């Protein structure tokens, strides 16, 4: 449907419904909530309508990062969650904060590997 048709339907109060999903994953559980929203709804509106915060009260929607099919809604390449207009069959993903910076994690793995190599060399000499 083109924008002009959408505007006419909106003026008539006949905004079509679309089907979307809200996804949130914890280390031990995944939530995938299908819901129907009005065309033109924002990603943030769908997350709020999903009721995910009743199932996950620790989730702070205002601070949570979100995306659509792994594309971040960060205001750079994609709009922010309150500005992104959902399309039929979109999946809104709520991202958990990183526990450790990826660069720091790589450094720790490299250091651990280096220490294990040194132990192996010491055992061969001994």
Protein backbone atom coordinates (compact mmCIF):
# COMPACT_ATOMS: atom_id res chain seq x y z
CA UNK A 1 0.00 0.00 0.00
CA UNK A 2 1.38 3.42 -0.93
CA UNK A 3 1.70 6.37 1.48
CA UNK A 4 -1.21 8.26 -0.08
CA UNK A 5 -3.57 5.31 0.43
CA UNK A 6 -2.34 4.92 4.00
CA UNK A 7 -3.05 8.58 4.70
CA UNK A 8 -6.58 8.33 3.26
CA UNK A 9 -7.31 5.23 5.34
CA UNK A 10 -5.88 6.90 8.45
CA UNK A 11 -8.14 9.92 7.91
CA UNK A 12 -11.10 7.56 7.63
CA UNK A 13 -10.06 5.83 10.83
CA UNK A 14 -9.34 2.61 8.97
CA UNK A 15 -5.68 2.01 9.67
CA UNK A 16 -4.87 -1.61 8.83
CA UNK A 17 -3.39 -3.98 11.38
CA UNK A 18 0.04 -5.58 10.93
CA UNK A 19 1.59 -8.60 12.61
CA UNK A 20 4.94 -8.19 14.36
CA UNK A 21 7.01 -9.97 17.00
CA UNK A 22 8.89 -8.71 20.03
CA UNK A 23 11.96 -10.78 20.96
CA UNK A 24 14.05 -10.76 24.13
CA UNK A 25 16.59 -13.40 25.11
CA UNK A 26 18.11 -14.16 28.47
CA UNK A 27 20.94 -16.69 28.91
CA UNK A 28 18.43 -19.35 29.99
CA UNK A 29 15.16 -18.27 28.35
CA UNK A 30 13.91 -16.67 25.16
CA UNK A 31 10.76 -14.61 24.80
CA UNK A 32 9.11 -14.30 21.39
CA UNK A 33 5.82 -12.45 21.61
CA UNK A 34 3.64 -12.21 18.49
CA UNK A 35 1.21 -9.30 18.42
CA UNK A 36 -0.96 -7.23 16.14
CA UNK A 37 -0.51 -3.46 16.02
CA UNK A 38 -1.83 -0.67 13.84
CA UNK A 39 0.20 0.14 10.76
CA UNK A 40 2.41 3.13 11.52
CA UNK A 41 3.08 2.01 15.11
CA UNK A 42 6.60 2.53 16.38
CA UNK A 43 8.95 -0.22 17.54
CA UNK A 44 8.78 1.24 21.05
CA UNK A 45 4.97 1.14 21.01
CA UNK A 46 5.04 -2.55 20.05
CA UNK A 47 7.47 -3.36 22.86
CA UNK A 48 5.25 -1.57 25.37
CA UNK A 49 2.13 -3.28 23.98
CA UNK A 50 3.79 -6.70 24.18
CA UNK A 51 3.76 -6.66 27.98
CA UNK A 52 7.34 -7.96 28.08
CA UNK A 53 8.08 -5.93 31.21
CA UNK A 54 5.48 -7.91 33.17
CA UNK A 55 7.37 -11.11 32.28
CA UNK A 56 10.79 -9.48 32.74
CA UNK A 57 10.42 -6.72 35.35
CA UNK A 58 14.21 -6.14 35.40
CA UNK A 59 14.00 -4.90 31.80
CA UNK A 60 14.27 -1.10 31.54
CA UNK A 61 12.66 -0.31 28.19
CA UNK A 62 13.86 3.30 28.26
CA UNK A 63 17.51 2.20 28.54
CA UNK A 64 17.33 -0.97 26.42
CA UNK A 65 18.88 -1.03 22.96
CA UNK A 66 16.57 -2.31 20.22
CA UNK A 67 16.80 -3.42 16.64
CA UNK A 68 14.87 -4.86 13.73
CA UNK A 69 16.28 -8.15 12.45
CA UNK A 70 19.75 -7.39 13.94
CA UNK A 71 19.84 -3.82 12.60
CA UNK A 72 20.22 -1.42 15.51
CA UNK A 73 17.61 1.29 15.98
CA UNK A 74 20.24 3.77 17.07
CA UNK A 75 19.40 6.90 15.08
CA UNK A 76 22.41 6.45 12.80
CA UNK A 77 21.55 4.14 9.90
CA UNK A 78 18.10 3.33 11.29
CA UNK A 79 15.70 5.57 13.23
CA UNK A 80 15.38 5.35 17.01
CA UNK A 81 12.77 2.91 18.44
CA UNK A 82 10.23 5.69 19.02
CA UNK A 83 10.59 6.89 15.40
CA UNK A 84 10.84 3.59 13.49
CA UNK A 85 7.53 2.70 11.80
CA UNK A 86 6.96 -1.03 11.91
CA UNK A 87 6.33 -3.04 8.77
CA UNK A 88 4.26 -6.21 8.59
CA UNK A 89 6.21 -9.20 9.96
CA UNK A 90 8.96 -7.08 11.57
CA UNK A 91 10.69 -8.55 14.63
CA UNK A 92 11.62 -5.99 17.28
CA UNK A 93 14.63 -7.28 19.21
CA UNK A 94 15.47 -6.01 22.67
CA UNK A 95 19.19 -6.30 23.37
CA UNK A 96 20.76 -6.98 26.76
CA UNK A 97 23.78 -4.88 27.73
CA UNK A 98 27.18 -6.48 27.21
CA UNK A 99 28.73 -7.92 30.35
CA UNK A 100 32.23 -7.24 29.07
CA UNK A 101 33.62 -5.14 26.26
CA UNK A 102 34.44 -7.40 23.26
CA UNK A 103 37.96 -5.96 22.99
CA UNK A 104 38.60 -6.68 26.65
CA UNK A 105 37.28 -10.23 26.25
CA UNK A 106 39.70 -10.83 23.33
CA UNK A 107 42.60 -9.52 25.42
CA UNK A 108 41.68 -11.87 28.28
CA UNK A 109 41.49 -14.88 25.94
CA UNK A 110 44.83 -13.99 24.36
CA UNK A 111 46.47 -13.62 27.78
CA UNK A 112 45.06 -16.96 28.91
CA UNK A 113 46.33 -18.67 25.74
CA UNK A 114 49.76 -17.07 26.22
CA UNK A 115 49.93 -18.33 29.83
CA UNK A 116 48.97 -21.85 28.74
CA UNK A 117 51.69 -21.82 26.07
CA UNK A 118 54.24 -20.78 28.69
CA UNK A 119 53.12 -23.64 30.96
CA UNK A 120 53.50 -26.14 28.11
CA UNK A 121 57.02 -24.87 27.36
CA UNK A 122 57.95 -25.08 31.03
CA UNK A 123 56.71 -28.68 31.24
CA UNK A 124 58.73 -29.69 28.15
CA UNK A 125 61.91 -28.21 29.63
CA UNK A 126 61.33 -29.81 33.03
